[in-house]
Protein backbone atom coordinates (compact mmCIF):
# COMPACT_ATOMS: atom_id res chain seq x y z
CA MET A 1 -0.03 0.02 0.14
CA LYS A 2 2.95 2.26 0.62
CA GLU A 3 4.13 2.00 -3.06
CA TYR A 4 0.52 2.67 -4.02
CA LEU A 5 0.70 6.18 -2.02
CA ARG A 6 4.13 6.34 -3.77
CA LYS A 7 2.73 6.11 -7.11
CA ILE A 8 0.03 8.61 -6.58
CA GLY A 9 2.50 11.31 -5.51
CA LEU A 10 4.66 10.72 -8.33
CA LEU A 11 1.67 11.19 -10.86
CA GLY A 12 1.26 14.72 -9.64
CA LEU A 13 0.30 16.85 -12.24
CA GLY A 14 0.89 13.62 -14.55
CA ILE A 15 -2.32 12.40 -13.57
CA ALA A 16 -4.50 14.72 -15.48
CA VAL A 17 -3.06 12.88 -18.67
CA LEU A 18 -3.69 9.83 -17.28
CA THR A 19 -5.10 6.90 -19.66
CA LYS A 20 -7.42 4.04 -18.77
CA GLU A 21 -4.83 1.81 -19.91
CA LYS A 22 -2.16 3.05 -17.26
CA ALA A 23 -4.26 3.18 -14.71
CA GLU A 24 -5.41 -0.39 -15.05
CA GLU A 25 -1.48 -1.02 -15.18
CA ILE A 26 -0.82 0.23 -11.91
CA ALA A 27 -3.77 -1.27 -10.35
CA ASN A 28 -2.50 -4.68 -12.15
CA GLU A 29 1.28 -4.15 -10.94
CA LEU A 30 -0.28 -3.52 -7.09
CA ILE A 31 -2.57 -6.72 -7.56
CA LYS A 32 0.58 -8.83 -8.92
CA LYS A 33 2.76 -7.85 -5.83
CA GLY A 34 0.02 -8.95 -3.29
CA GLU A 35 -0.35 -5.12 -2.12
CA ILE A 36 -4.30 -4.69 -3.08
CA SER A 37 -6.96 -7.40 -3.96
CA GLN A 38 -8.41 -7.61 -7.45
CA GLU A 39 -11.43 -5.90 -5.93
CA GLU A 40 -9.10 -2.94 -4.51
CA GLY A 41 -7.53 -2.94 -8.07
CA VAL A 42 -10.48 -2.23 -9.91
CA ALA A 43 -11.35 0.60 -7.60
CA LEU A 44 -8.21 2.26 -7.96
CA ALA A 45 -8.26 2.30 -11.46
CA GLU A 46 -11.44 3.92 -11.31
CA ASP A 47 -10.37 6.01 -8.57
CA LEU A 48 -7.40 7.10 -10.68
CA LEU A 49 -9.39 7.93 -13.71
CA LYS A 50 -11.83 10.23 -12.02
CA GLN A 51 -9.17 12.23 -10.15
CA ALA A 52 -7.18 12.77 -13.73
CA GLU A 53 -10.47 13.91 -15.07
CA LYS A 54 -11.01 16.00 -12.03
CA GLN A 55 -7.45 17.55 -12.29
CA GLY A 56 -7.79 18.00 -16.33
CA THR A 57 -10.78 20.22 -15.96
CA GLU A 58 -9.23 22.23 -13.19
CA LEU A 59 -5.94 22.40 -15.06
CA ASN A 60 -8.00 23.40 -18.51
CA LYS A 61 -9.96 26.03 -16.01
CA LYS A 62 -6.87 27.77 -14.72
CA ILE A 63 -5.36 27.43 -18.18
CA ASP A 64 -8.32 29.91 -19.61
CA ALA A 65 -8.24 32.21 -16.89
CA GLN A 66 -4.31 32.72 -17.29
CA VAL A 67 -4.92 32.89 -20.86
CA LYS A 68 -7.93 35.34 -20.59
CA LYS A 69 -5.57 37.39 -17.85
CA THR A 70 -2.55 37.51 -20.36
CA ILE A 71 -5.05 38.74 -23.09
CA LYS A 72 -6.47 41.40 -20.73
CA LYS A 73 -2.89 42.59 -19.72
CA ILE A 74 -1.57 42.77 -23.29
CA ASN A 75 -4.94 44.65 -24.19
CA LEU A 76 -5.44 42.91 -26.79
CA ALA A 77 -9.11 43.42 -28.30
CA SER A 78 -11.60 40.38 -27.76
CA GLN A 79 -14.12 39.18 -30.26
CA ASP A 80 -17.13 40.99 -28.65
CA ASP A 81 -14.71 44.12 -29.03
CA ILE A 82 -14.13 43.63 -32.79
CA LYS A 83 -18.00 42.67 -33.18
CA SER A 84 -18.80 46.08 -31.57
CA LEU A 85 -16.02 47.82 -33.85
CA GLU A 86 -17.60 46.32 -36.71
CA LYS A 87 -21.34 47.40 -36.19
CA LYS A 88 -19.95 50.91 -35.46
CA ILE A 89 -18.18 51.22 -38.89
CA LYS A 90 -21.08 49.84 -40.61
CA SER A 91 -23.37 52.26 -38.97
CA LEU A 92 -20.73 55.21 -40.04
CA GLU A 93 -20.72 53.61 -43.49
CA LYS A 94 -24.04 54.09 -43.87
CA LYS A 95 -24.49 57.56 -42.56
CA ILE A 96 -21.23 58.35 -45.04
CA ASP A 97 -23.48 57.34 -47.79
CA GLU A 98 -26.22 59.14 -46.79
CA LEU A 99 -24.43 62.21 -46.42
CA LYS A 100 -23.10 61.81 -50.01
CA LYS A 101 -26.71 61.26 -51.56
CA ASP A 102 -27.93 64.43 -50.14
CA LYS A 103 -24.71 66.40 -51.55
């Protein structure tokens, strides 16, 4: 069981990219060594995959937040900003066309 805990610790951030095959491989290795039972191995593989999914989701949220923060910091226009400017440009183009017609 100590080996199991050590392996979990070693996975660290890598657990976010853990595959089903790798989770089963870890569980099977511990079963072969007699450190856990077959039932515990199945539960362990499922638990590892759930943790990987959760950490992957959390990592994606952190990455998204950091990207947004960076974009804001470098003052890069968002898609909403661009759409708003496009609408203003179209409106101004219409006004210019109307003024040209009036002359």
